[in-house]
Amino acid sequence: MTSPDTRESEDPDGPGPQAEPEAALPLLLADDDELHAARTTRALEARGFQVTWARSLAEARSAVQDGAPGFAVLEMRLPDGAGLGLIETLLQHRPDGRAVVLTAFGSIANAVAAVRLGAADYLTKPADPDDLAAALLGRTPPGGLILRPMTADRARWEHIHRVFEFCGNNVSETSRKLGMHRRTLQRILAKRAPR
């Protein structure tokens, strides 16, 4: 576990309220996207959190077992598994902990699954840093999952990825089920999620 390099140019997410160093709240950030992790770390540290970064589910589990933080921001998809699996582990070690799922793969079904497992909230990338801090601190509106409306391109991309997962990440089987040329499918799978 390391801290992402936060020495990049000025913080595009704004400084946010500065916290006293002794008041820093320990937080685990599980995200394999280095650029996003660096930006999220800067934004959360400016809002009073002390961030430990884990690039994988295994690193995140190890961090929780070494000393469960009171807060966690978990990416839905990590290289070695789903970040959702960490919610239960965190809450076993720290029943008063608050976990927020932050993902580029936003859907109502995933949001419901996250909350059922004990997540305090579920936000889609890119999340506003103030919304993220509010979700961590329990300041979101009652019953308020912060989901942004999905575009038609995003809904199509989500559907293709769900079918791909259902087919065990088999490109040939997925292309048959979707009635799509294999190369077209591979191009779509290689792209980032549309906003």
Protein backbone atom coordinates (compact mmCIF):
# COMPACT_ATOMS: atom_id res chain seq x y z
CA MET A 1 0.00 0.00 0.00
CA THR A 2 1.31 3.38 -0.95
CA SER A 3 0.14 6.89 -1.44
CA PRO A 4 -0.29 7.91 -5.07
CA ASP A 5 1.97 10.70 -6.22
CA THR A 6 0.03 13.82 -5.37
CA ARG A 7 2.67 16.30 -6.48
CA GLU A 8 0.99 16.92 -9.82
CA SER A 9 -0.22 20.36 -10.91
CA GLU A 10 -2.87 22.25 -8.96
CA ASP A 11 -5.83 20.31 -7.60
CA PRO A 12 -8.70 20.58 -10.13
CA ASP A 13 -11.15 19.58 -7.41
CA GLY A 14 -10.49 22.69 -5.36
CA PRO A 15 -8.92 22.95 -1.97
CA GLY A 16 -11.99 22.21 0.14
CA PRO A 17 -11.93 23.00 3.86
CA GLN A 18 -8.50 22.44 5.41
CA ALA A 19 -8.36 20.13 8.45
CA GLU A 20 -5.82 20.21 11.25
CA PRO A 21 -3.22 17.42 10.79
CA GLU A 22 -4.10 15.83 14.16
CA ALA A 23 -7.77 15.67 13.12
CA ALA A 24 -7.10 13.57 10.01
CA LEU A 25 -9.59 10.72 9.57
CA PRO A 26 -8.00 7.41 8.42
CA LEU A 27 -9.40 6.29 5.08
CA LEU A 28 -8.64 3.37 2.75
CA LEU A 29 -8.83 4.11 -0.99
CA ALA A 30 -8.99 0.94 -3.12
CA ASP A 31 -8.59 1.93 -6.78
CA ASP A 32 -6.30 0.62 -9.53
CA ASP A 33 -6.49 3.82 -11.61
CA GLU A 34 -3.37 5.76 -10.55
CA LEU A 35 -4.46 9.13 -11.95
CA HIS A 36 -7.91 8.92 -10.40
CA ALA A 37 -6.45 7.72 -7.09
CA ALA A 38 -4.05 10.69 -7.01
CA ARG A 39 -6.87 13.18 -7.64
CA THR A 40 -9.17 11.51 -5.10
CA THR A 41 -6.37 11.43 -2.51
CA ARG A 42 -5.68 15.15 -2.94
CA ALA A 43 -9.37 16.01 -2.71
CA LEU A 44 -9.97 13.87 0.40
CA GLU A 45 -6.80 14.96 2.19
CA ALA A 46 -7.88 18.58 1.65
CA ARG A 47 -11.14 17.64 3.38
CA GLY A 48 -9.53 16.14 6.48
CA PHE A 49 -8.88 12.49 5.61
CA GLN A 50 -5.59 10.59 5.89
CA VAL A 51 -5.56 8.34 2.81
CA THR A 52 -3.93 4.91 2.43
CA TRP A 53 -4.03 3.74 -1.17
CA ALA A 54 -4.42 0.10 -2.23
CA ARG A 55 -4.16 -0.87 -5.91
CA SER A 56 -5.85 -4.26 -5.53
CA LEU A 57 -8.35 -6.19 -3.45
CA ALA A 58 -5.52 -8.16 -1.81
CA GLU A 59 -3.70 -4.94 -0.78
CA ALA A 60 -6.95 -3.49 0.54
CA ARG A 61 -7.74 -6.63 2.60
CA SER A 62 -4.23 -6.52 4.06
CA ALA A 63 -4.69 -2.84 5.02
CA VAL A 64 -7.99 -3.62 6.75
CA GLN A 65 -6.44 -6.49 8.72
CA ASP A 66 -3.44 -4.35 9.72
CA GLY A 67 -5.77 -1.77 11.26
CA ALA A 68 -9.21 -1.14 9.84
CA PRO A 69 -9.76 2.53 8.99
CA GLY A 70 -13.00 4.24 9.88
CA PHE A 71 -13.64 5.13 6.23
CA ALA A 72 -13.17 3.48 2.85
CA VAL A 73 -13.68 4.43 -0.79
CA LEU A 74 -13.86 1.28 -2.89
CA GLU A 75 -13.71 0.91 -6.67
CA MET A 76 -16.29 -1.59 -7.90
CA ARG A 77 -13.83 -3.43 -10.17
CA LEU A 78 -10.26 -4.13 -9.11
CA PRO A 79 -7.74 -6.28 -11.01
CA ASP A 80 -8.16 -9.21 -8.60
CA GLY A 81 -11.87 -8.99 -7.76
CA ALA A 82 -14.83 -6.81 -6.86
CA GLY A 83 -14.38 -4.05 -4.31
CA LEU A 84 -17.84 -4.92 -2.98
CA GLY A 85 -16.28 -7.98 -1.33
CA LEU A 86 -14.29 -5.68 0.93
CA ILE A 87 -17.32 -4.02 2.52
CA GLU A 88 -18.15 -7.04 4.67
CA THR A 89 -14.50 -7.46 5.72
CA LEU A 90 -14.25 -3.80 6.70
CA LEU A 91 -17.46 -3.91 8.74
CA GLN A 92 -16.38 -7.11 10.53
CA HIS A 93 -13.19 -5.37 11.69
CA ARG A 94 -14.80 -1.98 12.18
CA PRO A 95 -18.61 -2.15 12.71
CA ASP A 96 -18.81 1.65 12.85
CA GLY A 97 -16.87 2.02 9.57
CA ARG A 98 -18.33 3.78 6.54
CA ALA A 99 -17.61 2.52 3.04
CA VAL A 100 -18.55 4.32 -0.15
CA VAL A 101 -18.43 2.54 -3.50
CA LEU A 102 -17.05 4.80 -6.23
CA THR A 103 -17.14 3.38 -9.74
CA ALA A 104 -17.21 4.04 -13.44
CA PHE A 105 -19.57 1.06 -13.79
CA GLY A 106 -22.66 2.68 -12.28
CA SER A 107 -26.00 0.91 -12.37
CA ILE A 108 -29.03 0.66 -10.10
CA ALA A 109 -28.43 -3.09 -9.58
CA ASN A 110 -24.84 -2.46 -8.44
CA ALA A 111 -25.97 0.36 -6.15
CA VAL A 112 -28.58 -1.85 -4.50
CA ALA A 113 -26.02 -4.67 -4.08
CA ALA A 114 -23.52 -2.26 -2.48
CA VAL A 115 -26.05 -0.88 0.00
CA ARG A 116 -27.29 -4.38 0.90
CA LEU A 117 -23.71 -5.36 1.73
CA GLY A 118 -23.43 -2.38 4.05
CA ALA A 119 -22.04 0.46 1.91
CA ALA A 120 -22.98 3.89 3.22
CA ASP A 121 -23.40 5.17 -0.34
CA TYR A 122 -22.63 4.53 -4.00
CA LEU A 123 -21.35 7.20 -6.36
CA THR A 124 -20.44 7.11 -10.03
CA LYS A 125 -17.21 8.54 -11.41
CA PRO A 126 -16.43 11.31 -11.72
CA ALA A 127 -17.83 12.14 -8.27
CA ASP A 128 -17.78 15.64 -6.89
CA PRO A 129 -15.28 15.70 -3.98
CA ASP A 130 -17.81 17.42 -1.72
CA ASP A 131 -20.42 14.73 -2.51
CA LEU A 132 -17.83 12.05 -1.73
CA ALA A 133 -16.84 13.64 1.59
CA ALA A 134 -20.52 14.13 2.49
CA ALA A 135 -21.26 10.46 1.74
CA LEU A 136 -18.32 9.34 3.90
CA LEU A 137 -19.39 11.55 6.79
CA GLY A 138 -23.08 10.63 6.50
CA ARG A 139 -24.24 14.01 5.27
CA THR A 140 -26.09 12.89 2.12
CA PRO A 141 -29.84 13.50 1.87
CA PRO A 142 -32.00 10.78 3.50
CA GLY A 143 -32.25 7.80 1.13
CA GLY A 144 -29.93 9.64 -1.21
CA LEU A 145 -27.79 7.47 -3.42
CA ILE A 146 -25.90 9.87 -5.66
CA LEU A 147 -26.46 8.45 -9.13
CA ARG A 148 -26.04 10.57 -12.21
CA PRO A 149 -28.45 9.96 -15.11
CA MET A 150 -27.08 7.45 -17.62
CA THR A 151 -26.72 8.42 -21.29
CA ALA A 152 -27.80 6.03 -24.08
CA ASP A 153 -24.11 5.38 -24.91
CA ARG A 154 -23.39 4.60 -21.28
CA ALA A 155 -26.42 2.28 -21.00
CA ARG A 156 -25.25 0.39 -24.12
CA TRP A 157 -21.70 0.15 -22.74
CA GLU A 158 -23.06 -1.14 -19.38
CA HIS A 159 -25.21 -3.76 -21.13
CA ILE A 160 -22.29 -5.03 -23.21
CA HIS A 161 -20.08 -5.33 -20.11
CA ARG A 162 -22.81 -7.16 -18.16
CA VAL A 163 -23.21 -9.69 -20.99
CA PHE A 164 -19.41 -10.01 -21.20
CA GLU A 165 -19.22 -10.81 -17.47
CA PHE A 166 -22.17 -13.21 -17.76
CA CYS A 167 -20.25 -15.05 -20.50
CA GLY A 168 -17.22 -15.43 -18.24
CA ASN A 169 -15.26 -12.72 -20.12
CA ASN A 170 -15.35 -14.85 -23.27
CA VAL A 171 -15.25 -12.50 -26.29
CA SER A 172 -16.50 -15.08 -28.82
CA GLU A 173 -19.50 -16.12 -26.74
CA THR A 174 -20.35 -12.50 -25.93
CA SER A 175 -20.21 -11.46 -29.59
CA ARG A 176 -22.58 -14.34 -30.47
CA LYS A 177 -25.05 -13.40 -27.73
CA LEU A 178 -25.02 -9.73 -28.73
CA GLY A 179 -25.05 -10.39 -32.49
CA MET A 180 -21.98 -8.21 -32.81
CA HIS A 181 -18.78 -8.67 -34.79
CA ARG A 182 -15.94 -9.86 -32.56
CA ARG A 183 -13.59 -6.99 -33.52
CA THR A 184 -16.27 -4.38 -32.84
CA LEU A 185 -16.86 -5.93 -29.42
CA GLN A 186 -13.14 -5.92 -28.63
CA ARG A 187 -12.91 -2.21 -29.52
CA ILE A 188 -15.84 -1.39 -27.22
CA LEU A 189 -14.39 -3.46 -24.36
CA ALA A 190 -11.04 -1.67 -24.69
CA LYS A 191 -12.62 1.79 -24.35
CA ARG A 192 -13.37 3.65 -21.13
CA ALA A 193 -16.98 4.08 -20.11
CA PRO A 194 -18.73 6.98 -21.86
CA ARG A 195 -20.09 9.64 -19.56
